[in-house]
Amino acid sequence: GEYTGIRFRIGVDETVNKADPNRHAPDHALNPQVNGLHWGWMGG
């Protein structure tokens, strides 16, 4: 098909942000070991 645009978010929505980050697979983008971007202390 034909497409005319793309859209994406920088960050994650609140449901994902407050979920347990350690549930993700070892190579998943949201695994803290992969991204080093999780505030373990503040949550999110």
PDB file of all heavy atoms in Angstrom:
ATOM      1  N   GLY A   1       0.814  -1.201   0.000  1.00  0.00           N
ATOM      2  CA  GLY A   1       0.000   0.000   0.000  1.00  0.00           C
ATOM      3  C   GLY A   1       0.846   1.249   0.000  1.00  0.00           C
ATOM      4  O   GLY A   1       2.074   1.196   0.125  1.00  0.00           O
ATOM      5  N   GLU A   2       0.203   2.388  -0.143  1.00  0.00           N
ATOM      6  CA  GLU A   2       0.896   3.663  -0.151  1.00  0.00           C
ATOM      7  C   GLU A   2       0.715   4.365   1.190  1.00  0.00           C
ATOM      8  O   GLU A   2      -0.388   4.386   1.750  1.00  0.00           O
ATOM      9  CB  GLU A   2       0.368   4.548  -1.287  1.00  0.00           C
ATOM     10  CG  GLU A   2       0.673   3.991  -2.670  1.00  0.00           C
ATOM     11  CD  GLU A   2       0.290   4.952  -3.774  1.00  0.00           C
ATOM     12  OE1 GLU A   2       0.271   6.182  -3.512  1.00  0.00           O
ATOM     13  OE2 GLU A   2      -0.006   4.473  -4.878  1.00  0.00           O
ATOM     14  N   TYR A   3       1.803   4.984   1.669  1.00  0.00           N
ATOM     15  CA  TYR A   3       1.813   5.648   2.959  1.00  0.00           C
ATOM     16  C   TYR A   3       2.348   7.061   2.783  1.00  0.00           C
ATOM     17  O   TYR A   3       3.156   7.338   1.885  1.00  0.00           O
ATOM     18  CB  TYR A   3       2.677   4.877   3.958  1.00  0.00           C
ATOM     19  CG  TYR A   3       2.172   3.476   4.214  1.00  0.00           C
ATOM     20  CD1 TYR A   3       2.536   2.426   3.366  1.00  0.00           C
ATOM     21  CD2 TYR A   3       1.321   3.205   5.278  1.00  0.00           C
ATOM     22  CE1 TYR A   3       2.059   1.139   3.581  1.00  0.00           C
ATOM     23  CE2 TYR A   3       0.844   1.918   5.506  1.00  0.00           C
ATOM     24  CZ  TYR A   3       1.213   0.900   4.643  1.00  0.00           C
ATOM     25  OH  TYR A   3       0.742  -0.371   4.847  1.00  0.00           O
ATOM     26  N   THR A   4       1.922   7.948   3.681  1.00  0.00           N
ATOM     27  CA  THR A   4       2.320   9.354   3.557  1.00  0.00           C
ATOM     28  C   THR A   4       2.960   9.924   4.819  1.00  0.00           C
ATOM     29  O   THR A   4       3.243  11.128   4.874  1.00  0.00           O
ATOM     30  CB  THR A   4       1.095  10.220   3.208  1.00  0.00           C
ATOM     31  OG1 THR A   4       0.111  10.094   4.257  1.00  0.00           O
ATOM     32  CG2 THR A   4       0.491   9.800   1.881  1.00  0.00           C
ATOM     33  N   GLY A   5       3.175   9.092   5.815  1.00  0.00           N
ATOM     34  CA  GLY A   5       3.800   9.623   7.017  1.00  0.00           C
ATOM     35  C   GLY A   5       4.120   8.545   8.034  1.00  0.00           C
ATOM     36  O   GLY A   5       3.620   7.422   7.962  1.00  0.00           O
ATOM     37  N   ILE A   6       4.996   8.895   8.979  1.00  0.00           N
ATOM     38  CA  ILE A   6       5.306   8.026  10.119  1.00  0.00           C
ATOM     39  C   ILE A   6       5.177   8.849  11.386  1.00  0.00           C
ATOM     40  O   ILE A   6       5.277  10.087  11.376  1.00  0.00           O
ATOM     41  CB  ILE A   6       6.719   7.408  10.038  1.00  0.00           C
ATOM     42  CG1 ILE A   6       7.790   8.508  10.097  1.00  0.00           C
ATOM     43  CG2 ILE A   6       6.870   6.536   8.806  1.00  0.00           C
ATOM     44  CD1 ILE A   6       9.187   7.950  10.299  1.00  0.00           C
ATOM     45  N   ARG A   7       4.960   8.146  12.471  1.00  0.00           N
ATOM     46  CA  ARG A   7       4.844   8.792  13.778  1.00  0.00           C
ATOM     47  C   ARG A   7       5.431   7.840  14.819  1.00  0.00           C
ATOM     48  O   ARG A   7       5.277   6.631  14.732  1.00  0.00           O
ATOM     49  CB  ARG A   7       3.377   9.081  14.093  1.00  0.00           C
ATOM     50  CG  ARG A   7       3.139   9.848  15.390  1.00  0.00           C
ATOM     51  CD  ARG A   7       1.657  10.191  15.521  1.00  0.00           C
ATOM     52  NE  ARG A   7       0.848   8.986  15.716  1.00  0.00           N
ATOM     53  CZ  ARG A   7      -0.446   8.903  15.414  1.00  0.00           C
ATOM     54  NH1 ARG A   7      -1.085   9.929  14.878  1.00  0.00           N
ATOM     55  NH2 ARG A   7      -1.113   7.781  15.633  1.00  0.00           N
ATOM     56  N   PHE A   8       6.116   8.397  15.796  1.00  0.00           N
ATOM     57  CA  PHE A   8       6.625   7.592  16.904  1.00  0.00           C
ATOM     58  C   PHE A   8       6.773   8.478  18.132  1.00  0.00           C
ATOM     59  O   PHE A   8       6.753   9.707  18.044  1.00  0.00           O
ATOM     60  CB  PHE A   8       7.962   6.926  16.552  1.00  0.00           C
ATOM     61  CG  PHE A   8       9.029   7.873  16.079  1.00  0.00           C
ATOM     62  CD1 PHE A   8       9.856   8.532  16.977  1.00  0.00           C
ATOM     63  CD2 PHE A   8       9.212   8.106  14.716  1.00  0.00           C
ATOM     64  CE1 PHE A   8      10.838   9.400  16.542  1.00  0.00           C
ATOM     65  CE2 PHE A   8      10.191   8.984  14.270  1.00  0.00           C
ATOM     66  CZ  PHE A   8      11.003   9.624  15.180  1.00  0.00           C
ATOM     67  N   ARG A   9       6.908   7.826  19.266  1.00  0.00           N
ATOM     68  CA  ARG A   9       7.106   8.547  20.522  1.00  0.00           C
ATOM     69  C   ARG A   9       8.555   8.399  20.990  1.00  0.00           C
ATOM     70  O   ARG A   9       9.185   7.363  20.748  1.00  0.00           O
ATOM     71  CB  ARG A   9       6.161   8.014  21.608  1.00  0.00           C
ATOM     72  CG  ARG A   9       4.694   8.259  21.315  1.00  0.00           C
ATOM     73  CD  ARG A   9       3.830   7.931  22.530  1.00  0.00           C
ATOM     74  NE  ARG A   9       3.910   6.523  22.880  1.00  0.00           N
ATOM     75  CZ  ARG A   9       3.038   5.605  22.469  1.00  0.00           C
ATOM     76  NH1 ARG A   9       2.022   5.955  21.684  1.00  0.00           N
ATOM     77  NH2 ARG A   9       3.154   4.343  22.841  1.00  0.00           N
ATOM     78  N   ILE A  10       9.044   9.424  21.632  1.00  0.00           N
ATOM     79  CA  ILE A  10      10.310   9.330  22.364  1.00  0.00           C
ATOM     80  C   ILE A  10       9.934   9.145  23.823  1.00  0.00           C
ATOM     81  O   ILE A  10       9.395  10.048  24.463  1.00  0.00           O
ATOM     82  CB  ILE A  10      11.172  10.580  22.178  1.00  0.00           C
ATOM     83  CG1 ILE A  10      11.431  10.835  20.691  1.00  0.00           C
ATOM     84  CG2 ILE A  10      12.504  10.419  22.915  1.00  0.00           C
ATOM     85  CD1 ILE A  10      12.156  12.145  20.435  1.00  0.00           C
ATOM     86  N   GLY A  11      10.191   7.956  24.345  1.00  0.00           N
ATOM     87  CA  GLY A  11       9.749   7.594  25.681  1.00  0.00           C
ATOM     88  C   GLY A  11       8.699   6.510  25.619  1.00  0.00           C
ATOM     89  O   GLY A  11       8.415   5.943  24.552  1.00  0.00           O
ATOM     90  N   VAL A  12       8.112   6.208  26.745  1.00  0.00           N
ATOM     91  CA  VAL A  12       7.096   5.156  26.833  1.00  0.00           C
ATOM     92  C   VAL A  12       5.898   5.688  27.610  1.00  0.00           C
ATOM     93  O   VAL A  12       6.021   6.615  28.407  1.00  0.00           O
ATOM     94  CB  VAL A  12       7.652   3.889  27.514  1.00  0.00           C
ATOM     95  CG1 VAL A  12       8.775   3.271  26.696  1.00  0.00           C
ATOM     96  CG2 VAL A  12       8.153   4.198  28.935  1.00  0.00           C
ATOM     97  N   ASP A  13       4.737   5.081  27.371  1.00  0.00           N
ATOM     98  CA  ASP A  13       3.551   5.556  28.069  1.00  0.00           C
ATOM     99  C   ASP A  13       3.591   5.169  29.545  1.00  0.00           C
ATOM    100  O   ASP A  13       4.442   4.391  29.978  1.00  0.00           O
ATOM    101  CB  ASP A  13       2.275   5.054  27.385  1.00  0.00           C
ATOM    102  CG  ASP A  13       2.119   3.550  27.410  1.00  0.00           C
ATOM    103  OD1 ASP A  13       2.533   2.922  28.427  1.00  0.00           O
ATOM    104  OD2 ASP A  13       1.590   2.983  26.446  1.00  0.00           O
ATOM    105  N   GLU A  14       2.669   5.694  30.310  1.00  0.00           N
ATOM    106  CA  GLU A  14       2.711   5.552  31.760  1.00  0.00           C
ATOM    107  C   GLU A  14       2.565   4.105  32.203  1.00  0.00           C
ATOM    108  O   GLU A  14       3.186   3.690  33.187  1.00  0.00           O
ATOM    109  CB  GLU A  14       1.608   6.414  32.391  1.00  0.00           C
ATOM    110  CG  GLU A  14       1.802   6.683  33.869  1.00  0.00           C
ATOM    111  CD  GLU A  14       3.000   7.583  34.163  1.00  0.00           C
ATOM    112  OE1 GLU A  14       3.777   7.862  33.242  1.00  0.00           O
ATOM    113  OE2 GLU A  14       3.170   7.983  35.327  1.00  0.00           O
ATOM    114  N   THR A  15       1.771   3.314  31.489  1.00  0.00           N
ATOM    115  CA  THR A  15       1.614   1.908  31.867  1.00  0.00           C
ATOM    116  C   THR A  15       2.937   1.164  31.774  1.00  0.00           C
ATOM    117  O   THR A  15       3.343   0.443  32.693  1.00  0.00           O
ATOM    118  CB  THR A  15       0.569   1.233  30.958  1.00  0.00           C
ATOM    119  OG1 THR A  15      -0.680   1.896  31.114  1.00  0.00           O
ATOM    120  CG2 THR A  15       0.418  -0.239  31.326  1.00  0.00           C
ATOM    121  N   VAL A  16       3.631   1.352  30.673  1.00  0.00           N
ATOM    122  CA  VAL A  16       4.938   0.708  30.495  1.00  0.00           C
ATOM    123  C   VAL A  16       5.946   1.291  31.476  1.00  0.00           C
ATOM    124  O   VAL A  16       6.773   0.576  32.051  1.00  0.00           O
ATOM    125  CB  VAL A  16       5.417   0.886  29.046  1.00  0.00           C
ATOM    126  CG1 VAL A  16       6.843   0.354  28.877  1.00  0.00           C
ATOM    127  CG2 VAL A  16       4.471   0.185  28.083  1.00  0.00           C
ATOM    128  N   ASN A  17       5.868   2.590  31.694  1.00  0.00           N
ATOM    129  CA  ASN A  17       6.846   3.270  32.540  1.00  0.00           C
ATOM    130  C   ASN A  17       6.791   2.781  33.981  1.00  0.00           C
ATOM    131  O   ASN A  17       7.811   2.740  34.679  1.00  0.00           O
ATOM    132  CB  ASN A  17       6.599   4.781  32.495  1.00  0.00           C
ATOM    133  CG  ASN A  17       7.848   5.578  32.780  1.00  0.00           C
ATOM    134  OD1 ASN A  17       8.948   5.146  32.494  1.00  0.00           O
ATOM    135  ND2 ASN A  17       7.670   6.760  33.331  1.00  0.00           N
ATOM    136  N   LYS A  18       5.600   2.400  34.444  1.00  0.00           N
ATOM    137  CA  LYS A  18       5.451   1.971  35.837  1.00  0.00           C
ATOM    138  C   LYS A  18       5.521   0.455  36.006  1.00  0.00           C
ATOM    139  O   LYS A  18       5.471  -0.040  37.127  1.00  0.00           O
ATOM    140  CB  LYS A  18       4.114   2.483  36.382  1.00  0.00           C
ATOM    141  CG  LYS A  18       3.992   4.005  36.408  1.00  0.00           C
ATOM    142  CD  LYS A  18       5.111   4.656  37.207  1.00  0.00           C
ATOM    143  CE  LYS A  18       4.938   6.164  37.273  1.00  0.00           C
ATOM    144  NZ  LYS A  18       6.079   6.822  37.971  1.00  0.00           N
ATOM    145  N   ALA A  19       5.637  -0.290  34.904  1.00  0.00           N
ATOM    146  CA  ALA A  19       5.685  -1.745  34.992  1.00  0.00           C
ATOM    147  C   ALA A  19       7.075  -2.210  35.438  1.00  0.00           C
ATOM    148  O   ALA A  19       8.039  -1.446  35.423  1.00  0.00           O
ATOM    149  CB  ALA A  19       5.322  -2.362  33.645  1.00  0.00           C
ATOM    150  N   ASP A  20       7.160  -3.458  35.824  1.00  0.00           N
ATOM    151  CA  ASP A  20       8.427  -4.049  36.266  1.00  0.00           C
ATOM    152  C   ASP A  20       9.387  -4.145  35.085  1.00  0.00           C
ATOM    153  O   ASP A  20       9.132  -4.868  34.121  1.00  0.00           O
ATOM    154  CB  ASP A  20       8.155  -5.453  36.828  1.00  0.00           C
ATOM    155  CG  ASP A  20       9.432  -6.152  37.269  1.00  0.00           C
ATOM    156  OD1 ASP A  20      10.507  -5.513  37.311  1.00  0.00           O
ATOM    157  OD2 ASP A  20       9.368  -7.358  37.569  1.00  0.00           O
ATOM    158  N   PRO A  21      10.533  -3.445  35.113  1.00  0.00           N
ATOM    159  CA  PRO A  21      11.443  -3.467  33.959  1.00  0.00           C
ATOM    160  C   PRO A  21      12.184  -4.788  33.809  1.00  0.00           C
ATOM    161  O   PRO A  21      12.707  -5.090  32.743  1.00  0.00           O
ATOM    162  CB  PRO A  21      12.423  -2.328  34.270  1.00  0.00           C
ATOM    163  CG  PRO A  21      12.457  -2.290  35.763  1.00  0.00           C
ATOM    164  CD  PRO A  21      11.045  -2.607  36.207  1.00  0.00           C
ATOM    165  N   ASN A  22      12.232  -5.575  34.882  1.00  0.00           N
ATOM    166  CA  ASN A  22      13.015  -6.807  34.845  1.00  0.00           C
ATOM    167  C   ASN A  22      12.281  -7.980  34.197  1.00  0.00           C
ATOM    168  O   ASN A  22      12.815  -9.077  34.116  1.00  0.00           O
ATOM    169  CB  ASN A  22      13.455  -7.186  36.260  1.00  0.00           C
ATOM    170  CG  ASN A  22      14.363  -6.130  36.853  1.00  0.00           C
ATOM    171  OD1 ASN A  22      15.209  -5.577  36.157  1.00  0.00           O
ATOM    172  ND2 ASN A  22      14.183  -5.823  38.128  1.00  0.00           N
ATOM    173  N   ARG A  23      11.052  -7.727  33.718  1.00  0.00           N
ATOM    174  CA  ARG A  23      10.301  -8.790  33.061  1.00  0.00           C
ATOM    175  C   ARG A  23      10.717  -8.967  31.605  1.00  0.00           C
ATOM    176  O   ARG A  23      10.349  -9.951  30.967  1.00  0.00           O
ATOM    177  CB  ARG A  23       8.808  -8.469  33.112  1.00  0.00           C
ATOM    178  CG  ARG A  23       8.412  -7.202  32.372  1.00  0.00           C
ATOM    179  CD  ARG A  23       6.975  -6.777  32.660  1.00  0.00           C
ATOM    180  NE  ARG A  23       6.648  -5.488  32.089  1.00  0.00           N
ATOM    181  CZ  ARG A  23       6.096  -5.308  30.896  1.00  0.00           C
ATOM    182  NH1 ARG A  23       5.814  -6.359  30.149  1.00  0.00           N
ATOM    183  NH2 ARG A  23       5.833  -4.110  30.447  1.00  0.00           N
ATOM    184  N   HIS A  24      11.478  -8.026  31.078  1.00  0.00           N
ATOM    185  CA  HIS A  24      11.805  -8.047  29.667  1.00  0.00           C
ATOM    186  C   HIS A  24      12.948  -9.013  29.367  1.00  0.00           C
ATOM    187  O   HIS A  24      13.850  -9.217  30.180  1.00  0.00           O
ATOM    188  CB  HIS A  24      12.178  -6.645  29.187  1.00  0.00           C
ATOM    189  CG  HIS A  24      11.059  -5.654  29.350  1.00  0.00           C
ATOM    190  ND1 HIS A  24       9.902  -5.716  28.610  1.00  0.00           N
ATOM    191  CD2 HIS A  24      10.917  -4.601  30.187  1.00  0.00           C
ATOM    192  CE1 HIS A  24       9.094  -4.736  28.974  1.00  0.00           C
ATOM    193  NE2 HIS A  24       9.682  -4.039  29.931  1.00  0.00           N
ATOM    194  N   ALA A  25      12.925  -9.589  28.183  1.00  0.00           N
ATOM    195  CA  ALA A  25      13.951 -10.525  27.739  1.00  0.00           C
ATOM    196  C   ALA A  25      15.328  -9.857  27.749  1.00  0.00           C
ATOM    197  O   ALA A  25      15.429  -8.623  27.683  1.00  0.00           O
ATOM    198  CB  ALA A  25      13.614 -11.044  26.342  1.00  0.00           C
ATOM    199  N   PRO A  26      16.400 -10.643  27.805  1.00  0.00           N
ATOM    200  CA  PRO A  26      17.746 -10.058  27.940  1.00  0.00           C
ATOM    201  C   PRO A  26      18.125  -9.069  26.845  1.00  0.00           C
ATOM    202  O   PRO A  26      18.897  -8.153  27.099  1.00  0.00           O
ATOM    203  CB  PRO A  26      18.653 -11.294  27.904  1.00  0.00           C
ATOM    204  CG  PRO A  26      17.814 -12.411  28.398  1.00  0.00           C
ATOM    205  CD  PRO A  26      16.422 -12.118  27.908  1.00  0.00           C
ATOM    206  N   ASP A  27      17.596  -9.255  25.628  1.00  0.00           N
ATOM    207  CA  ASP A  27      17.972  -8.348  24.546  1.00  0.00           C
ATOM    208  C   ASP A  27      16.852  -7.375  24.182  1.00  0.00           C
ATOM    209  O   ASP A  27      16.901  -6.723  23.149  1.00  0.00           O
ATOM    210  CB  ASP A  27      18.394  -9.139  23.306  1.00  0.00           C
ATOM    211  CG  ASP A  27      17.314 -10.107  22.836  1.00  0.00           C
ATOM    212  OD1 ASP A  27      16.287 -10.271  23.545  1.00  0.00           O
ATOM    213  OD2 ASP A  27      17.513 -10.724  21.783  1.00  0.00           O
ATOM    214  N   HIS A  28      15.843  -7.262  25.030  1.00  0.00           N
ATOM    215  CA  HIS A  28      14.721  -6.352  24.775  1.00  0.00           C
ATOM    216  C   HIS A  28      15.141  -4.906  25.007  1.00  0.00           C
ATOM    217  O   HIS A  28      15.937  -4.608  25.900  1.00  0.00           O
ATOM    218  CB  HIS A  28      13.551  -6.713  25.689  1.00  0.00           C
ATOM    219  CG  HIS A  28      12.250  -6.097  25.302  1.00  0.00           C
ATOM    220  ND1 HIS A  28      11.957  -4.781  25.537  1.00  0.00           N
ATOM    221  CD2 HIS A  28      11.158  -6.620  24.689  1.00  0.00           C
ATOM    222  CE1 HIS A  28      10.738  -4.507  25.094  1.00  0.00           C
ATOM    223  NE2 HIS A  28      10.229  -5.607  24.568  1.00  0.00           N
ATOM    224  N   ALA A  29      14.595  -4.006  24.203  1.00  0.00           N
ATOM    225  CA  ALA A  29      14.952  -2.588  24.316  1.00  0.00           C
ATOM    226  C   ALA A  29      14.693  -2.031  25.702  1.00  0.00           C
ATOM    227  O   ALA A  29      15.382  -1.111  26.139  1.00  0.00           O
ATOM    228  CB  ALA A  29      14.172  -1.774  23.285  1.00  0.00           C
ATOM    229  N   LEU A  30      13.694  -2.550  26.413  1.00  0.00           N
ATOM    230  CA  LEU A  30      13.335  -2.012  27.721  1.00  0.00           C
ATOM    231  C   LEU A  30      14.023  -2.723  28.872  1.00  0.00           C
ATOM    232  O   LEU A  30      13.793  -2.383  30.036  1.00  0.00           O
ATOM    233  CB  LEU A  30      11.816  -2.066  27.907  1.00  0.00           C
ATOM    234  CG  LEU A  30      11.000  -1.230  26.909  1.00  0.00           C
ATOM    235  CD1 LEU A  30       9.519  -1.272  27.267  1.00  0.00           C
ATOM    236  CD2 LEU A  30      11.492   0.212  26.861  1.00  0.00           C
ATOM    237  N   ASN A  31      14.870  -3.696  28.576  1.00  0.00           N
ATOM    238  CA  ASN A  31      15.658  -4.331  29.633  1.00  0.00           C
ATOM    239  C   ASN A  31      16.702  -3.327  30.128  1.00  0.00           C
ATOM    240  O   ASN A  31      17.466  -2.782  29.329  1.00  0.00           O
ATOM    241  CB  ASN A  31      16.340  -5.586  29.093  1.00  0.00           C
ATOM    242  CG  ASN A  31      17.046  -6.375  30.175  1.00  0.00           C
ATOM    243  OD1 ASN A  31      17.833  -5.824  30.944  1.00  0.00           O
ATOM    244  ND2 ASN A  31      16.791  -7.658  30.231  1.00  0.00           N
ATOM    245  N   PRO A  32      16.748  -3.025  31.416  1.00  0.00           N
ATOM    246  CA  PRO A  32      17.699  -2.023  31.918  1.00  0.00           C
ATOM    247  C   PRO A  32      19.147  -2.321  31.581  1.00  0.00           C
ATOM    248  O   PRO A  32      19.951  -1.399  31.421  1.00  0.00           O
ATOM    249  CB  PRO A  32      17.471  -2.045  33.442  1.00  0.00           C
ATOM    250  CG  PRO A  32      16.061  -2.514  33.597  1.00  0.00           C
ATOM    251  CD  PRO A  32      15.853  -3.528  32.496  1.00  0.00           C
ATOM    252  N   GLN A  33      19.484  -3.620  31.433  1.00  0.00           N
ATOM    253  CA  GLN A  33      20.852  -3.967  31.062  1.00  0.00           C
ATOM    254  C   GLN A  33      21.158  -3.547  29.632  1.00  0.00           C
ATOM    255  O   GLN A  33      22.308  -3.298  29.286  1.00  0.00           O
ATOM    256  CB  GLN A  33      21.065  -5.475  31.207  1.00  0.00           C
ATOM    257  CG  GLN A  33      21.298  -5.931  32.622  1.00  0.00           C
ATOM    258  CD  GLN A  33      22.632  -5.446  33.145  1.00  0.00           C
ATOM    259  OE1 GLN A  33      22.686  -4.586  34.015  1.00  0.00           O
ATOM    260  NE2 GLN A  33      23.713  -5.981  32.646  1.00  0.00           N
ATOM    261  N   VAL A  34      20.145  -3.509  28.793  1.00  0.00           N
ATOM    262  CA  VAL A  34      20.336  -3.128  27.399  1.00  0.00           C
ATOM    263  C   VAL A  34      20.457  -1.617  27.273  1.00  0.00           C
ATOM    264  O   VAL A  34      21.366  -1.100  26.623  1.00  0.00           O
ATOM    265  CB  VAL A  34      19.172  -3.645  26.519  1.00  0.00           C
ATOM    266  CG1 VAL A  34      19.263  -3.067  25.106  1.00  0.00           C
ATOM    267  CG2 VAL A  34      19.189  -5.168  26.469  1.00  0.00           C
ATOM    268  N   ASN A  35      19.537  -0.885  27.908  1.00  0.00           N
ATOM    269  CA  ASN A  35      19.465   0.552  27.651  1.00  0.00           C
ATOM    270  C   ASN A  35      20.138   1.437  28.689  1.00  0.00           C
ATOM    271  O   ASN A  35      20.484   2.575  28.399  1.00  0.00           O
ATOM    272  CB  ASN A  35      18.007   0.987  27.467  1.00  0.00           C
ATOM    273  CG  ASN A  35      17.146   0.682  28.681  1.00  0.00           C
ATOM    274  OD1 ASN A  35      17.416   1.135  29.788  1.00  0.00           O
ATOM    275  ND2 ASN A  35      16.076  -0.077  28.484  1.00  0.00           N
ATOM    276  N   GLY A  36      20.308   0.954  29.911  1.00  0.00           N
ATOM    277  CA  GLY A  36      20.905   1.801  30.949  1.00  0.00           C
ATOM    278  C   GLY A  36      20.125   3.068  31.214  1.00  0.00           C
ATOM    279  O   GLY A  36      20.672   4.060  31.708  1.00  0.00           O
ATOM    280  N   LEU A  37      18.823   3.045  30.925  1.00  0.00           N
ATOM    281  CA  LEU A  37      18.002   4.252  31.051  1.00  0.00           C
ATOM    282  C   LEU A  37      16.891   4.117  32.078  1.00  0.00           C
ATOM    283  O   LEU A  37      15.961   4.924  32.077  1.00  0.00           O
ATOM    284  CB  LEU A  37      17.382   4.603  29.686  1.00  0.00           C
ATOM    285  CG  LEU A  37      18.354   5.111  28.613  1.00  0.00           C
ATOM    286  CD1 LEU A  37      17.643   5.237  27.267  1.00  0.00           C
ATOM    287  CD2 LEU A  37      18.956   6.448  29.013  1.00  0.00           C
ATOM    288  N   HIS A  38      16.981   3.133  32.938  1.00  0.00           N
ATOM    289  CA  HIS A  38      15.903   2.975  33.910  1.00  0.00           C
ATOM    290  C   HIS A  38      16.323   3.530  35.266  1.00  0.00           C
ATOM    291  O   HIS A  38      17.369   3.188  35.802  1.00  0.00           O
ATOM    292  CB  HIS A  38      15.498   1.508  34.071  1.00  0.00           C
ATOM    293  CG  HIS A  38      14.216   1.347  34.840  1.00  0.00           C
ATOM    294  ND1 HIS A  38      14.190   1.133  36.201  1.00  0.00           N
ATOM    295  CD2 HIS A  38      12.920   1.406  34.447  1.00  0.00           C
ATOM    296  CE1 HIS A  38      12.937   1.048  36.618  1.00  0.00           C
ATOM    297  NE2 HIS A  38      12.146   1.222  35.570  1.00  0.00           N
ATOM    298  N   TRP A  39      15.463   4.403  35.805  1.00  0.00           N
ATOM    299  CA  TRP A  39      15.681   4.930  37.152  1.00  0.00           C
ATOM    300  C   TRP A  39      15.116   3.920  38.140  1.00  0.00           C
ATOM    301  O   TRP A  39      13.921   3.947  38.472  1.00  0.00           O
ATOM    302  CB  TRP A  39      14.965   6.258  37.327  1.00  0.00           C
ATOM    303  CG  TRP A  39      15.762   7.443  36.917  1.00  0.00           C
ATOM    304  CD1 TRP A  39      17.098   7.582  36.962  1.00  0.00           C
ATOM    305  CD2 TRP A  39      15.248   8.682  36.404  1.00  0.00           C
ATOM    306  NE1 TRP A  39      17.466   8.818  36.516  1.00  0.00           N
ATOM    307  CE2 TRP A  39      16.355   9.514  36.165  1.00  0.00           C
ATOM    308  CE3 TRP A  39      13.972   9.157  36.127  1.00  0.00           C
ATOM    309  CZ2 TRP A  39      16.220  10.802  35.671  1.00  0.00           C
ATOM    310  CZ3 TRP A  39      13.843  10.436  35.629  1.00  0.00           C
ATOM    311  CH2 TRP A  39      14.951  11.250  35.405  1.00  0.00           C
ATOM    312  N   GLY A  40      15.956   2.990  38.595  1.00  0.00           N
ATOM    313  CA  GLY A  40      15.462   1.969  39.501  1.00  0.00           C
ATOM    314  C   GLY A  40      14.903   2.538  40.787  1.00  0.00           C
ATOM    315  O   GLY A  40      14.012   1.959  41.394  1.00  0.00           O
ATOM    316  N   TRP A  41      15.410   3.702  41.184  1.00  0.00           N
ATOM    317  CA  TRP A  41      15.025   4.258  42.482  1.00  0.00           C
ATOM    318  C   TRP A  41      13.723   5.045  42.397  1.00  0.00           C
ATOM    319  O   TRP A  41      12.919   5.042  43.313  1.00  0.00           O
ATOM    320  CB  TRP A  41      16.145   5.167  42.984  1.00  0.00           C
ATOM    321  CG  TRP A  41      17.462   4.523  42.837  1.00  0.00           C
ATOM    322  CD1 TRP A  41      18.477   4.860  41.986  1.00  0.00           C
ATOM    323  CD2 TRP A  41      17.910   3.353  43.514  1.00  0.00           C
ATOM    324  NE1 TRP A  41      19.524   4.001  42.102  1.00  0.00           N
ATOM    325  CE2 TRP A  41      19.208   3.055  43.042  1.00  0.00           C
ATOM    326  CE3 TRP A  41      17.354   2.517  44.479  1.00  0.00           C
ATOM    327  CZ2 TRP A  41      19.940   1.979  43.501  1.00  0.00           C
ATOM    328  CZ3 TRP A  41      18.091   1.447  44.936  1.00  0.00           C
ATOM    329  CH2 TRP A  41      19.356   1.187  44.450  1.00  0.00           C
ATOM    330  N   MET A  42      13.506   5.729  41.285  1.00  0.00           N
ATOM    331  CA  MET A  42      12.335   6.581  41.160  1.00  0.00           C
ATOM    332  C   MET A  42      11.196   5.862  40.459  1.00  0.00           C
ATOM    333  O   MET A  42      10.052   6.286  40.525  1.00  0.00           O
ATOM    334  CB  MET A  42      12.699   7.854  40.383  1.00  0.00           C
ATOM    335  CG  MET A  42      13.787   8.683  41.059  1.00  0.00           C
ATOM    336  SD  MET A  42      14.300  10.083  40.051  1.00  0.00           S
ATOM    337  CE  MET A  42      12.796  11.035  40.046  1.00  0.00           C
ATOM    338  N   GLY A  43      11.509   4.758  39.796  1.00  0.00           N
ATOM    339  CA  GLY A  43      10.505   4.054  39.022  1.00  0.00           C
ATOM    340  C   GLY A  43      10.299   4.742  37.689  1.00  0.00           C
ATOM    341  O   GLY A  43       9.947   5.914  37.638  1.00  0.00           O
ATOM    342  N   GLY A  44      10.548   4.046  36.615  1.00  0.00           N
ATOM    343  CA  GLY A  44      10.346   4.628  35.305  1.00  0.00           C
ATOM    344  C   GLY A  44      11.643   4.827  34.547  1.00  0.00           C
ATOM    345  O   GLY A  44      12.746   4.731  35.088  1.00  0.00           O
TER     346      GLY A  44
END
